[in-house]
């Protein structure tokens, strides 16, 4: 299954605000349904050091950021390349506009990124991982796996219940995702020459892969 670089509809400039808001709500629900949000919360709770703040990179309208910070009872801040309209934000936490590949990021104990990696080509992913290390001591990168199994599971069991944009973009996202070997190679390259370490895991049925980096 070759990697696709077809843009997702939601990344375009011609999606009406109301439709975009609906898609972001659906994405937040999917993360909750598939256990992505729970996975992040559990990982943060296992941190050997206190987690007093969370930075969500590529947070969209902040649905996952809100769920994670509310569950943990800690403040957070979101970063996205396009800041949401305040009235559409799904979180009470602040969201700033920045490019996580090259811009200075807010300081936090731990950074998370959910379904962001597949939006980036290899070199930009490598640069982002290095950039996060300047402001956080830990980075949990959760993303999809490019494999026919999760693609077919999404198409059969989830897509029929979504809006057309969310259904289409979900399938495009899987096709754009890294394989575990590709993601491991990118993270290894990003951390080469540093003292940082990472753990990479793949969930059953390849529904997600998680890279947990300690800088």
N, C-alpha and C. Protein backbone atom coordinates (compact mmCIF):
# COMPACT_ATOMS: atom_id res chain seq x y z
N UNK A 1 0.85 -1.20 0.00
CA UNK A 1 0.00 0.00 0.00
C UNK A 1 0.88 1.24 0.00
N UNK A 2 1.01 1.89 -1.14
CA UNK A 2 1.86 3.06 -1.27
C UNK A 2 1.25 4.26 -0.54
N UNK A 3 2.13 5.10 -0.01
CA UNK A 3 1.65 6.27 0.70
C UNK A 3 1.06 7.28 -0.27
N UNK A 4 -0.12 7.80 0.10
CA UNK A 4 -0.78 8.82 -0.70
C UNK A 4 -0.45 10.20 -0.15
N UNK A 5 -0.39 11.17 -1.02
CA UNK A 5 -0.20 12.56 -0.61
C UNK A 5 -1.37 13.42 -1.06
N UNK A 6 -2.51 12.77 -1.29
CA UNK A 6 -3.72 13.49 -1.65
C UNK A 6 -4.17 14.36 -0.47
N UNK A 7 -4.41 15.64 -0.68
CA UNK A 7 -4.83 16.51 0.44
C UNK A 7 -6.19 16.08 0.99
N UNK A 8 -6.38 16.31 2.27
CA UNK A 8 -7.68 16.06 2.88
C UNK A 8 -8.58 17.27 2.65
N UNK A 9 -9.86 17.02 2.53
CA UNK A 9 -10.81 18.08 2.23
C UNK A 9 -10.78 19.16 3.31
N UNK A 10 -10.68 18.76 4.56
CA UNK A 10 -10.72 19.71 5.67
C UNK A 10 -9.52 20.65 5.67
N UNK A 11 -8.44 20.25 5.01
CA UNK A 11 -7.26 21.10 4.94
C UNK A 11 -7.39 22.20 3.89
N UNK A 12 -8.43 22.16 3.09
CA UNK A 12 -8.64 23.18 2.07
C UNK A 12 -9.27 24.44 2.64
N UNK A 13 -9.37 25.45 1.81
CA UNK A 13 -9.89 26.74 2.25
C UNK A 13 -11.37 26.94 1.92
N UNK A 14 -11.98 25.93 1.30
CA UNK A 14 -13.35 26.13 0.81
C UNK A 14 -14.39 25.32 1.57
N UNK A 15 -14.05 24.88 2.80
CA UNK A 15 -15.03 24.16 3.62
C UNK A 15 -15.79 25.18 4.46
N UNK A 16 -17.10 25.24 4.31
CA UNK A 16 -17.88 26.20 5.12
C UNK A 16 -17.67 25.98 6.61
N UNK A 17 -17.73 27.06 7.35
CA UNK A 17 -17.45 27.01 8.79
C UNK A 17 -18.33 26.01 9.52
N UNK A 18 -19.60 25.97 9.18
CA UNK A 18 -20.52 25.05 9.86
C UNK A 18 -20.13 23.60 9.60
N UNK A 19 -19.75 23.27 8.36
CA UNK A 19 -19.35 21.91 8.03
C UNK A 19 -18.05 21.53 8.72
N UNK A 20 -17.10 22.47 8.74
CA UNK A 20 -15.83 22.21 9.41
C UNK A 20 -16.04 21.94 10.90
N UNK A 21 -16.91 22.73 11.53
CA UNK A 21 -17.19 22.53 12.95
C UNK A 21 -17.77 21.14 13.21
N UNK A 22 -18.66 20.71 12.31
CA UNK A 22 -19.25 19.37 12.48
C UNK A 22 -18.18 18.29 12.35
N UNK A 23 -17.28 18.44 11.38
CA UNK A 23 -16.24 17.44 11.18
C UNK A 23 -15.33 17.36 12.40
N UNK A 24 -14.96 18.50 12.97
CA UNK A 24 -14.11 18.48 14.15
C UNK A 24 -14.81 17.82 15.34
N UNK A 25 -16.10 18.02 15.46
CA UNK A 25 -16.84 17.32 16.52
C UNK A 25 -16.83 15.82 16.28
N UNK A 26 -16.97 15.42 15.02
CA UNK A 26 -16.94 14.00 14.69
C UNK A 26 -15.56 13.41 14.95
N UNK A 27 -14.52 14.15 14.61
CA UNK A 27 -13.16 13.67 14.86
C UNK A 27 -12.93 13.45 16.35
N UNK A 28 -13.39 14.40 17.16
CA UNK A 28 -13.26 14.26 18.62
C UNK A 28 -13.98 13.01 19.10
N UNK A 29 -15.18 12.75 18.57
CA UNK A 29 -15.93 11.56 18.95
C UNK A 29 -15.23 10.28 18.51
N UNK A 30 -14.62 10.30 17.34
CA UNK A 30 -13.90 9.11 16.85
C UNK A 30 -12.72 8.80 17.77
N UNK A 31 -11.98 9.83 18.17
CA UNK A 31 -10.85 9.60 19.08
C UNK A 31 -11.31 9.00 20.40
N UNK A 32 -12.47 9.43 20.87
CA UNK A 32 -13.01 8.87 22.11
C UNK A 32 -13.47 7.42 21.89
N UNK A 33 -14.17 7.18 20.77
CA UNK A 33 -14.69 5.85 20.47
C UNK A 33 -13.58 4.82 20.28
N UNK A 34 -12.52 5.20 19.59
CA UNK A 34 -11.44 4.26 19.29
C UNK A 34 -10.43 4.12 20.43
N UNK A 35 -10.59 4.93 21.47
CA UNK A 35 -9.70 4.81 22.62
C UNK A 35 -8.45 5.65 22.52
N UNK A 36 -8.35 6.51 21.51
CA UNK A 36 -7.15 7.35 21.39
C UNK A 36 -7.02 8.30 22.57
N UNK A 37 -8.12 8.93 22.96
CA UNK A 37 -8.08 9.87 24.08
C UNK A 37 -7.70 9.15 25.37
N UNK A 38 -8.31 8.00 25.60
CA UNK A 38 -7.97 7.22 26.79
C UNK A 38 -6.50 6.80 26.78
N UNK A 39 -5.99 6.44 25.62
CA UNK A 39 -4.59 6.04 25.49
C UNK A 39 -3.66 7.18 25.91
N UNK A 40 -3.97 8.40 25.48
CA UNK A 40 -3.15 9.55 25.86
C UNK A 40 -3.21 9.81 27.35
N UNK A 41 -4.41 9.76 27.92
CA UNK A 41 -4.58 10.01 29.35
C UNK A 41 -3.80 8.98 30.16
N UNK A 42 -3.90 7.73 29.78
CA UNK A 42 -3.19 6.67 30.51
C UNK A 42 -1.68 6.86 30.43
N UNK A 43 -1.19 7.25 29.25
CA UNK A 43 0.24 7.47 29.09
C UNK A 43 0.72 8.62 29.97
N UNK A 44 -0.08 9.67 30.04
CA UNK A 44 0.30 10.81 30.87
C UNK A 44 0.25 10.46 32.36
N UNK A 45 -0.70 9.65 32.73
CA UNK A 45 -0.79 9.24 34.14
C UNK A 45 0.37 8.35 34.55
N UNK A 46 0.97 7.67 33.60
CA UNK A 46 2.12 6.81 33.91
C UNK A 46 3.44 7.57 33.94
N UNK A 47 3.40 8.85 33.67
CA UNK A 47 4.63 9.64 33.66
C UNK A 47 5.28 9.60 35.04
N UNK A 48 6.57 9.30 35.14
CA UNK A 48 7.22 9.24 36.45
C UNK A 48 7.36 10.61 37.11
N UNK A 49 7.21 11.67 36.32
CA UNK A 49 7.29 13.02 36.86
C UNK A 49 5.91 13.68 36.81
N UNK A 50 5.67 14.67 37.63
CA UNK A 50 4.37 15.34 37.60
C UNK A 50 4.10 15.98 36.24
N UNK A 51 2.90 15.79 35.74
CA UNK A 51 2.47 16.45 34.51
C UNK A 51 1.57 17.61 34.93
N UNK A 52 2.13 18.81 34.84
CA UNK A 52 1.41 20.00 35.30
C UNK A 52 0.88 20.85 34.15
N UNK A 53 1.27 20.50 32.93
CA UNK A 53 0.78 21.24 31.77
C UNK A 53 0.94 20.38 30.52
N UNK A 54 0.02 20.57 29.56
CA UNK A 54 0.01 19.77 28.34
C UNK A 54 -0.07 20.70 27.13
N UNK A 55 0.76 20.43 26.15
CA UNK A 55 0.74 21.15 24.88
C UNK A 55 0.20 20.22 23.81
N UNK A 56 -0.88 20.61 23.14
CA UNK A 56 -1.47 19.80 22.07
C UNK A 56 -1.11 20.43 20.73
N UNK A 57 -0.30 19.72 19.96
CA UNK A 57 0.20 20.23 18.69
C UNK A 57 -0.68 19.73 17.56
N UNK A 58 -1.11 20.65 16.69
CA UNK A 58 -2.04 20.28 15.63
C UNK A 58 -3.40 19.96 16.22
N UNK A 59 -3.85 20.80 17.15
CA UNK A 59 -5.03 20.48 17.98
C UNK A 59 -6.36 20.70 17.28
N UNK A 60 -6.35 21.28 16.08
CA UNK A 60 -7.63 21.57 15.43
C UNK A 60 -8.45 22.53 16.27
N UNK A 61 -9.67 22.14 16.57
CA UNK A 61 -10.53 22.99 17.40
C UNK A 61 -10.48 22.61 18.88
N UNK A 62 -9.57 21.70 19.23
CA UNK A 62 -9.27 21.47 20.64
C UNK A 62 -10.09 20.43 21.36
N UNK A 63 -10.79 19.55 20.64
CA UNK A 63 -11.62 18.56 21.31
C UNK A 63 -10.83 17.59 22.17
N UNK A 64 -9.73 17.06 21.64
CA UNK A 64 -8.90 16.13 22.42
C UNK A 64 -8.20 16.86 23.55
N UNK A 65 -7.71 18.06 23.28
CA UNK A 65 -7.06 18.86 24.33
C UNK A 65 -8.00 19.06 25.51
N UNK A 66 -9.26 19.37 25.24
CA UNK A 66 -10.23 19.58 26.30
C UNK A 66 -10.44 18.31 27.11
N UNK A 67 -10.59 17.19 26.43
CA UNK A 67 -10.84 15.93 27.12
C UNK A 67 -9.66 15.53 27.99
N UNK A 68 -8.45 15.67 27.47
CA UNK A 68 -7.26 15.26 28.21
C UNK A 68 -7.03 16.15 29.42
N UNK A 69 -7.07 17.46 29.23
CA UNK A 69 -6.78 18.37 30.35
C UNK A 69 -7.88 18.32 31.41
N UNK A 70 -9.12 18.15 30.98
CA UNK A 70 -10.22 18.06 31.94
C UNK A 70 -10.10 16.79 32.78
N UNK A 71 -9.75 15.68 32.14
CA UNK A 71 -9.61 14.42 32.87
C UNK A 71 -8.45 14.48 33.86
N UNK A 72 -7.34 15.09 33.45
CA UNK A 72 -6.16 15.15 34.31
C UNK A 72 -6.22 16.31 35.30
N UNK A 73 -7.08 17.28 35.04
CA UNK A 73 -7.18 18.44 35.91
C UNK A 73 -5.98 19.35 35.85
N UNK A 74 -5.42 19.51 34.64
CA UNK A 74 -4.25 20.36 34.46
C UNK A 74 -4.52 21.36 33.33
N UNK A 75 -3.81 22.48 33.33
CA UNK A 75 -3.97 23.43 32.23
C UNK A 75 -3.27 22.94 30.97
N UNK A 76 -3.74 23.43 29.85
CA UNK A 76 -3.13 23.07 28.59
C UNK A 76 -3.17 24.23 27.62
N UNK A 77 -2.49 24.05 26.51
CA UNK A 77 -2.52 25.04 25.44
C UNK A 77 -2.43 24.30 24.12
N UNK A 78 -3.18 24.76 23.15
CA UNK A 78 -3.18 24.14 21.84
C UNK A 78 -2.41 24.98 20.84
N UNK A 79 -1.86 24.30 19.85
CA UNK A 79 -1.16 24.96 18.75
C UNK A 79 -1.69 24.37 17.45
N UNK A 80 -2.05 25.23 16.52
CA UNK A 80 -2.46 24.75 15.22
C UNK A 80 -2.03 25.76 14.17
N UNK A 81 -1.79 25.27 12.97
CA UNK A 81 -1.33 26.15 11.90
C UNK A 81 -2.42 27.14 11.49
N UNK A 82 -3.68 26.79 11.79
CA UNK A 82 -4.81 27.69 11.58
C UNK A 82 -5.59 27.76 12.89
N UNK A 83 -5.59 28.91 13.51
CA UNK A 83 -6.31 29.06 14.78
C UNK A 83 -7.81 29.00 14.53
N UNK A 84 -8.56 28.29 15.37
CA UNK A 84 -10.02 28.19 15.16
C UNK A 84 -10.73 29.49 15.50
N UNK A 85 -11.89 29.67 14.90
CA UNK A 85 -12.75 30.78 15.29
C UNK A 85 -13.16 30.55 16.75
N UNK A 86 -12.96 31.52 17.64
CA UNK A 86 -13.23 31.31 19.07
C UNK A 86 -14.60 30.70 19.36
N UNK A 87 -15.61 31.09 18.62
CA UNK A 87 -16.95 30.58 18.87
C UNK A 87 -17.09 29.11 18.51
N UNK A 88 -16.14 28.57 17.71
CA UNK A 88 -16.19 27.17 17.30
C UNK A 88 -15.24 26.29 18.11
N UNK A 89 -14.43 26.89 18.97
CA UNK A 89 -13.47 26.12 19.73
C UNK A 89 -14.18 25.09 20.62
N UNK A 90 -13.60 23.91 20.70
CA UNK A 90 -14.17 22.84 21.52
C UNK A 90 -13.50 22.74 22.88
N UNK A 91 -12.67 23.74 23.22
CA UNK A 91 -11.96 23.70 24.49
C UNK A 91 -11.98 25.05 25.16
N UNK A 92 -11.87 25.03 26.48
CA UNK A 92 -11.74 26.26 27.24
C UNK A 92 -10.28 26.69 27.34
N UNK A 93 -9.37 25.83 26.88
CA UNK A 93 -7.95 26.13 26.91
C UNK A 93 -7.58 27.03 25.72
N UNK A 94 -6.55 27.86 25.86
CA UNK A 94 -6.17 28.73 24.75
C UNK A 94 -5.55 27.95 23.58
N UNK A 95 -5.79 28.43 22.38
CA UNK A 95 -5.18 27.86 21.18
C UNK A 95 -4.50 28.98 20.43
N UNK A 96 -3.22 28.80 20.13
CA UNK A 96 -2.48 29.82 19.39
C UNK A 96 -2.17 29.31 17.99
N UNK A 97 -1.97 30.24 17.09
CA UNK A 97 -1.62 29.88 15.72
C UNK A 97 -0.11 29.85 15.57
N UNK A 98 0.42 28.72 15.14
CA UNK A 98 1.86 28.58 14.95
C UNK A 98 2.13 27.36 14.09
N UNK A 99 3.28 27.36 13.45
CA UNK A 99 3.74 26.21 12.67
C UNK A 99 4.70 25.43 13.55
N UNK A 100 4.29 24.25 13.97
CA UNK A 100 5.09 23.47 14.92
C UNK A 100 6.38 22.95 14.31
N UNK A 101 6.51 23.02 13.01
CA UNK A 101 7.75 22.56 12.36
C UNK A 101 8.88 23.54 12.61
N UNK A 102 8.55 24.85 12.63
CA UNK A 102 9.63 25.84 12.69
C UNK A 102 9.44 26.96 13.71
N UNK A 103 8.24 27.17 14.19
CA UNK A 103 8.02 28.28 15.13
C UNK A 103 8.35 27.87 16.56
N UNK A 104 8.73 28.85 17.37
CA UNK A 104 8.92 28.59 18.80
C UNK A 104 7.58 28.19 19.42
N UNK A 105 7.61 27.17 20.26
CA UNK A 105 6.38 26.63 20.85
C UNK A 105 6.29 26.97 22.33
N UNK A 106 5.08 27.03 22.88
CA UNK A 106 4.93 27.27 24.32
C UNK A 106 5.57 26.14 25.12
N UNK A 107 6.07 26.47 26.28
CA UNK A 107 6.67 25.45 27.15
C UNK A 107 5.58 24.69 27.89
N UNK A 108 5.77 23.39 28.04
CA UNK A 108 4.86 22.53 28.79
C UNK A 108 5.64 21.31 29.24
N UNK A 109 5.10 20.58 30.20
CA UNK A 109 5.76 19.35 30.62
C UNK A 109 5.75 18.31 29.51
N UNK A 110 4.58 18.11 28.93
CA UNK A 110 4.42 17.06 27.91
C UNK A 110 3.66 17.62 26.72
N UNK A 111 4.09 17.25 25.52
CA UNK A 111 3.36 17.59 24.29
C UNK A 111 2.68 16.33 23.77
N UNK A 112 1.52 16.52 23.17
CA UNK A 112 0.83 15.43 22.48
C UNK A 112 0.50 15.89 21.07
N UNK A 113 0.37 14.94 20.18
CA UNK A 113 -0.06 15.24 18.81
C UNK A 113 -0.89 14.05 18.34
N UNK A 114 -2.12 14.30 17.96
CA UNK A 114 -3.03 13.24 17.57
C UNK A 114 -3.39 13.38 16.09
N UNK A 115 -3.01 12.38 15.32
CA UNK A 115 -3.29 12.35 13.87
C UNK A 115 -2.71 13.58 13.16
N UNK A 116 -1.52 13.98 13.58
CA UNK A 116 -0.81 15.07 12.91
C UNK A 116 0.30 14.56 11.99
N UNK A 117 0.99 13.51 12.40
CA UNK A 117 2.18 13.06 11.66
C UNK A 117 1.90 12.79 10.20
N UNK A 118 0.73 12.22 9.89
CA UNK A 118 0.48 11.85 8.50
C UNK A 118 0.26 13.06 7.60
N UNK A 119 0.11 14.24 8.19
CA UNK A 119 -0.01 15.46 7.40
C UNK A 119 1.36 15.98 6.95
N UNK A 120 2.42 15.43 7.50
CA UNK A 120 3.75 15.97 7.26
C UNK A 120 4.62 15.03 6.44
N UNK A 121 5.39 15.56 5.49
CA UNK A 121 6.41 14.74 4.83
C UNK A 121 7.54 14.44 5.81
N UNK A 122 8.37 13.47 5.46
CA UNK A 122 9.40 12.99 6.38
C UNK A 122 10.22 14.11 7.01
N UNK A 123 10.76 15.00 6.19
CA UNK A 123 11.68 16.00 6.72
C UNK A 123 10.99 16.97 7.66
N UNK A 124 9.74 17.32 7.38
CA UNK A 124 9.02 18.22 8.27
C UNK A 124 8.67 17.52 9.58
N UNK A 125 8.35 16.23 9.51
CA UNK A 125 8.10 15.47 10.73
C UNK A 125 9.35 15.44 11.61
N UNK A 126 10.48 15.21 10.98
CA UNK A 126 11.76 15.20 11.71
C UNK A 126 12.02 16.55 12.36
N UNK A 127 11.80 17.63 11.62
CA UNK A 127 12.02 18.97 12.17
C UNK A 127 11.06 19.26 13.32
N UNK A 128 9.80 18.82 13.19
CA UNK A 128 8.84 19.07 14.25
C UNK A 128 9.24 18.35 15.53
N UNK A 129 9.64 17.09 15.41
CA UNK A 129 10.05 16.34 16.60
C UNK A 129 11.21 17.04 17.30
N UNK A 130 12.17 17.51 16.53
CA UNK A 130 13.30 18.24 17.13
C UNK A 130 12.83 19.54 17.77
N UNK A 131 11.91 20.23 17.11
CA UNK A 131 11.43 21.51 17.62
C UNK A 131 10.68 21.35 18.93
N UNK A 132 9.88 20.30 19.04
CA UNK A 132 9.13 20.06 20.28
C UNK A 132 10.08 19.86 21.45
N UNK A 133 11.23 19.25 21.19
CA UNK A 133 12.20 19.00 22.25
C UNK A 133 12.78 20.26 22.86
N UNK A 134 12.61 21.40 22.22
CA UNK A 134 13.10 22.66 22.78
C UNK A 134 12.17 23.21 23.86
N UNK A 135 10.93 22.72 23.91
CA UNK A 135 9.98 23.30 24.85
C UNK A 135 9.31 22.28 25.77
N UNK A 136 9.50 20.98 25.51
CA UNK A 136 8.86 19.94 26.31
C UNK A 136 9.86 18.83 26.62
N UNK A 137 9.67 18.18 27.74
CA UNK A 137 10.57 17.07 28.10
C UNK A 137 10.10 15.74 27.55
N UNK A 138 8.84 15.71 27.06
CA UNK A 138 8.28 14.47 26.56
C UNK A 138 7.28 14.78 25.44
N UNK A 139 7.19 13.88 24.47
CA UNK A 139 6.30 14.09 23.33
C UNK A 139 5.63 12.77 22.99
N UNK A 140 4.30 12.75 23.06
CA UNK A 140 3.54 11.54 22.71
C UNK A 140 2.87 11.78 21.37
N UNK A 141 3.30 11.04 20.38
CA UNK A 141 2.84 11.20 19.00
C UNK A 141 1.95 10.01 18.65
N UNK A 142 0.66 10.26 18.50
CA UNK A 142 -0.31 9.20 18.20
C UNK A 142 -0.83 9.41 16.78
N UNK A 143 -0.79 8.35 15.98
CA UNK A 143 -1.26 8.51 14.61
C UNK A 143 -1.82 7.20 14.08
N UNK A 144 -2.31 7.28 12.86
CA UNK A 144 -2.84 6.12 12.15
C UNK A 144 -1.73 5.25 11.62
N UNK A 145 -2.11 4.08 11.13
CA UNK A 145 -1.18 3.14 10.50
C UNK A 145 -1.64 2.91 9.06
N UNK A 146 -0.72 3.05 8.12
CA UNK A 146 -1.09 2.79 6.73
C UNK A 146 -1.10 1.28 6.48
N UNK A 147 -2.32 0.74 6.43
CA UNK A 147 -2.48 -0.71 6.28
C UNK A 147 -3.91 -0.96 5.83
N UNK A 148 -4.15 -1.96 4.99
CA UNK A 148 -5.51 -2.24 4.52
C UNK A 148 -6.51 -2.54 5.63
N UNK A 149 -6.05 -3.17 6.73
CA UNK A 149 -6.99 -3.56 7.78
C UNK A 149 -7.68 -2.36 8.42
N UNK A 150 -6.95 -1.38 8.97
CA UNK A 150 -7.67 -0.24 9.55
C UNK A 150 -8.46 0.56 8.52
N UNK A 151 -7.98 0.58 7.28
CA UNK A 151 -8.72 1.28 6.23
C UNK A 151 -10.08 0.62 6.01
N UNK A 152 -10.11 -0.70 5.92
CA UNK A 152 -11.37 -1.41 5.71
C UNK A 152 -12.27 -1.35 6.93
N UNK A 153 -11.69 -1.42 8.12
CA UNK A 153 -12.51 -1.31 9.34
C UNK A 153 -13.18 0.06 9.41
N UNK A 154 -12.43 1.10 9.08
CA UNK A 154 -13.01 2.45 9.10
C UNK A 154 -14.11 2.56 8.05
N UNK A 155 -13.84 2.06 6.87
CA UNK A 155 -14.81 2.17 5.77
C UNK A 155 -16.12 1.46 6.10
N UNK A 156 -16.02 0.30 6.76
CA UNK A 156 -17.21 -0.51 7.02
C UNK A 156 -17.97 -0.08 8.27
N UNK A 157 -17.22 0.19 9.36
CA UNK A 157 -17.87 0.36 10.66
C UNK A 157 -18.01 1.81 11.13
N UNK A 158 -17.26 2.74 10.56
CA UNK A 158 -17.29 4.11 11.05
C UNK A 158 -17.78 5.09 9.99
N UNK A 159 -17.25 5.00 8.79
CA UNK A 159 -17.58 5.96 7.74
C UNK A 159 -19.08 6.12 7.49
N UNK A 160 -19.87 5.03 7.52
CA UNK A 160 -21.31 5.20 7.23
C UNK A 160 -22.05 6.11 8.21
N UNK A 161 -21.48 6.35 9.39
CA UNK A 161 -22.15 7.16 10.40
C UNK A 161 -21.64 8.61 10.43
N UNK A 162 -20.75 8.95 9.51
CA UNK A 162 -20.13 10.26 9.51
C UNK A 162 -20.65 11.13 8.37
N UNK A 163 -20.37 12.42 8.48
CA UNK A 163 -20.64 13.33 7.38
C UNK A 163 -19.74 12.96 6.20
N UNK A 164 -20.11 13.34 4.98
CA UNK A 164 -19.30 12.98 3.81
C UNK A 164 -17.84 13.42 3.90
N UNK A 165 -17.59 14.61 4.44
CA UNK A 165 -16.20 15.08 4.54
C UNK A 165 -15.41 14.22 5.51
N UNK A 166 -15.97 13.95 6.68
CA UNK A 166 -15.26 13.14 7.68
C UNK A 166 -15.04 11.73 7.16
N UNK A 167 -16.02 11.17 6.47
CA UNK A 167 -15.88 9.81 5.93
C UNK A 167 -14.79 9.75 4.88
N UNK A 168 -14.74 10.75 4.01
CA UNK A 168 -13.72 10.77 2.97
C UNK A 168 -12.33 11.04 3.54
N UNK A 169 -12.23 12.04 4.42
CA UNK A 169 -10.93 12.39 4.99
C UNK A 169 -10.36 11.28 5.86
N UNK A 170 -11.22 10.54 6.55
CA UNK A 170 -10.74 9.44 7.37
C UNK A 170 -10.01 8.40 6.54
N UNK A 171 -10.57 8.07 5.40
CA UNK A 171 -9.92 7.10 4.51
C UNK A 171 -8.65 7.67 3.88
N UNK A 172 -8.70 8.94 3.51
CA UNK A 172 -7.51 9.59 2.97
C UNK A 172 -6.39 9.61 4.00
N UNK A 173 -6.75 9.83 5.27
CA UNK A 173 -5.75 9.89 6.35
C UNK A 173 -5.00 8.57 6.49
N UNK A 174 -5.73 7.46 6.42
CA UNK A 174 -5.08 6.16 6.54
C UNK A 174 -4.10 5.96 5.39
N UNK A 175 -4.51 6.36 4.19
CA UNK A 175 -3.63 6.20 3.02
C UNK A 175 -2.41 7.11 3.10
N UNK A 176 -2.53 8.22 3.80
CA UNK A 176 -1.42 9.17 3.95
C UNK A 176 -0.48 8.80 5.10
N UNK A 177 -0.91 7.91 5.98
CA UNK A 177 -0.17 7.62 7.20
C UNK A 177 1.15 6.90 6.93
N UNK A 178 2.01 6.93 7.93
CA UNK A 178 3.28 6.19 7.89
C UNK A 178 3.04 4.74 8.30
N UNK A 179 3.81 3.84 7.74
CA UNK A 179 3.86 2.49 8.29
C UNK A 179 4.69 2.55 9.57
N UNK A 180 4.59 1.56 10.44
CA UNK A 180 5.42 1.57 11.65
C UNK A 180 6.91 1.67 11.35
N UNK A 181 7.37 0.97 10.32
CA UNK A 181 8.80 1.03 9.98
C UNK A 181 9.19 2.42 9.53
N UNK A 182 8.34 3.07 8.74
CA UNK A 182 8.64 4.42 8.27
C UNK A 182 8.66 5.42 9.41
N UNK A 183 7.70 5.29 10.33
CA UNK A 183 7.64 6.22 11.46
C UNK A 183 8.84 6.02 12.38
N UNK A 184 9.22 4.78 12.62
CA UNK A 184 10.39 4.51 13.44
C UNK A 184 11.64 5.12 12.82
N UNK A 185 11.77 5.00 11.51
CA UNK A 185 12.94 5.56 10.82
C UNK A 185 12.97 7.07 10.95
N UNK A 186 11.81 7.72 10.83
CA UNK A 186 11.76 9.18 10.93
C UNK A 186 12.11 9.65 12.33
N UNK A 187 11.58 8.98 13.35
CA UNK A 187 11.87 9.36 14.73
C UNK A 187 13.34 9.12 15.05
N UNK A 188 13.87 8.02 14.60
CA UNK A 188 15.29 7.72 14.81
C UNK A 188 16.17 8.79 14.21
N UNK A 189 15.83 9.23 13.00
CA UNK A 189 16.60 10.29 12.35
C UNK A 189 16.48 11.60 13.12
N UNK A 190 15.27 11.89 13.62
CA UNK A 190 15.06 13.14 14.34
C UNK A 190 15.88 13.21 15.63
N UNK A 191 16.03 12.07 16.29
CA UNK A 191 16.70 12.05 17.59
C UNK A 191 18.17 11.68 17.51
N UNK A 192 18.65 11.42 16.30
CA UNK A 192 20.04 11.03 16.12
C UNK A 192 20.99 12.10 16.67
N UNK A 193 21.97 11.66 17.44
CA UNK A 193 22.95 12.59 18.00
C UNK A 193 22.52 13.22 19.31
N UNK A 194 21.31 12.94 19.75
CA UNK A 194 20.83 13.48 21.03
C UNK A 194 20.78 12.36 22.07
N UNK A 195 20.43 12.72 23.29
CA UNK A 195 20.30 11.72 24.35
C UNK A 195 18.86 11.24 24.50
N UNK A 196 17.99 11.68 23.61
CA UNK A 196 16.59 11.32 23.68
C UNK A 196 16.37 9.85 23.38
N UNK A 197 15.33 9.29 23.96
CA UNK A 197 14.94 7.90 23.73
C UNK A 197 13.46 7.86 23.37
N UNK A 198 13.03 6.75 22.76
CA UNK A 198 11.62 6.64 22.43
C UNK A 198 11.16 5.20 22.46
N UNK A 199 9.85 5.05 22.66
CA UNK A 199 9.21 3.73 22.60
C UNK A 199 8.10 3.81 21.57
N UNK A 200 8.01 2.82 20.70
CA UNK A 200 7.03 2.81 19.62
C UNK A 200 6.16 1.56 19.76
N UNK A 201 4.84 1.76 19.77
CA UNK A 201 3.92 0.63 19.90
C UNK A 201 2.81 0.74 18.86
N UNK A 202 2.27 -0.42 18.47
CA UNK A 202 1.18 -0.49 17.51
C UNK A 202 0.03 -1.23 18.16
N UNK A 203 -1.16 -0.66 18.13
CA UNK A 203 -2.33 -1.25 18.77
C UNK A 203 -2.86 -2.43 17.94
N UNK A 204 -3.65 -3.32 18.58
CA UNK A 204 -4.28 -4.41 17.83
C UNK A 204 -5.09 -3.89 16.64
N UNK A 205 -5.10 -4.68 15.57
CA UNK A 205 -5.79 -4.34 14.32
C UNK A 205 -5.19 -3.08 13.66
N UNK A 206 -4.03 -2.66 14.14
CA UNK A 206 -3.33 -1.49 13.57
C UNK A 206 -4.20 -0.24 13.57
N UNK A 207 -5.04 -0.09 14.62
CA UNK A 207 -5.92 1.08 14.64
C UNK A 207 -5.17 2.35 15.04
N UNK A 208 -4.01 2.21 15.67
CA UNK A 208 -3.18 3.38 15.99
C UNK A 208 -1.76 2.94 16.21
N UNK A 209 -0.84 3.88 16.09
CA UNK A 209 0.53 3.67 16.54
C UNK A 209 0.93 4.88 17.40
N UNK A 210 1.74 4.61 18.41
CA UNK A 210 2.11 5.65 19.37
C UNK A 210 3.62 5.66 19.52
N UNK A 211 4.19 6.82 19.36
CA UNK A 211 5.61 7.04 19.63
C UNK A 211 5.71 7.92 20.88
N UNK A 212 6.40 7.44 21.89
CA UNK A 212 6.53 8.15 23.16
C UNK A 212 8.01 8.54 23.33
N UNK A 213 8.29 9.83 23.20
CA UNK A 213 9.66 10.33 23.18
C UNK A 213 9.98 11.02 24.50
N UNK A 214 11.13 10.69 25.06
CA UNK A 214 11.66 11.41 26.23
C UNK A 214 12.94 12.11 25.79
N UNK A 215 12.95 13.42 25.88
CA UNK A 215 14.10 14.20 25.41
C UNK A 215 15.20 14.25 26.47
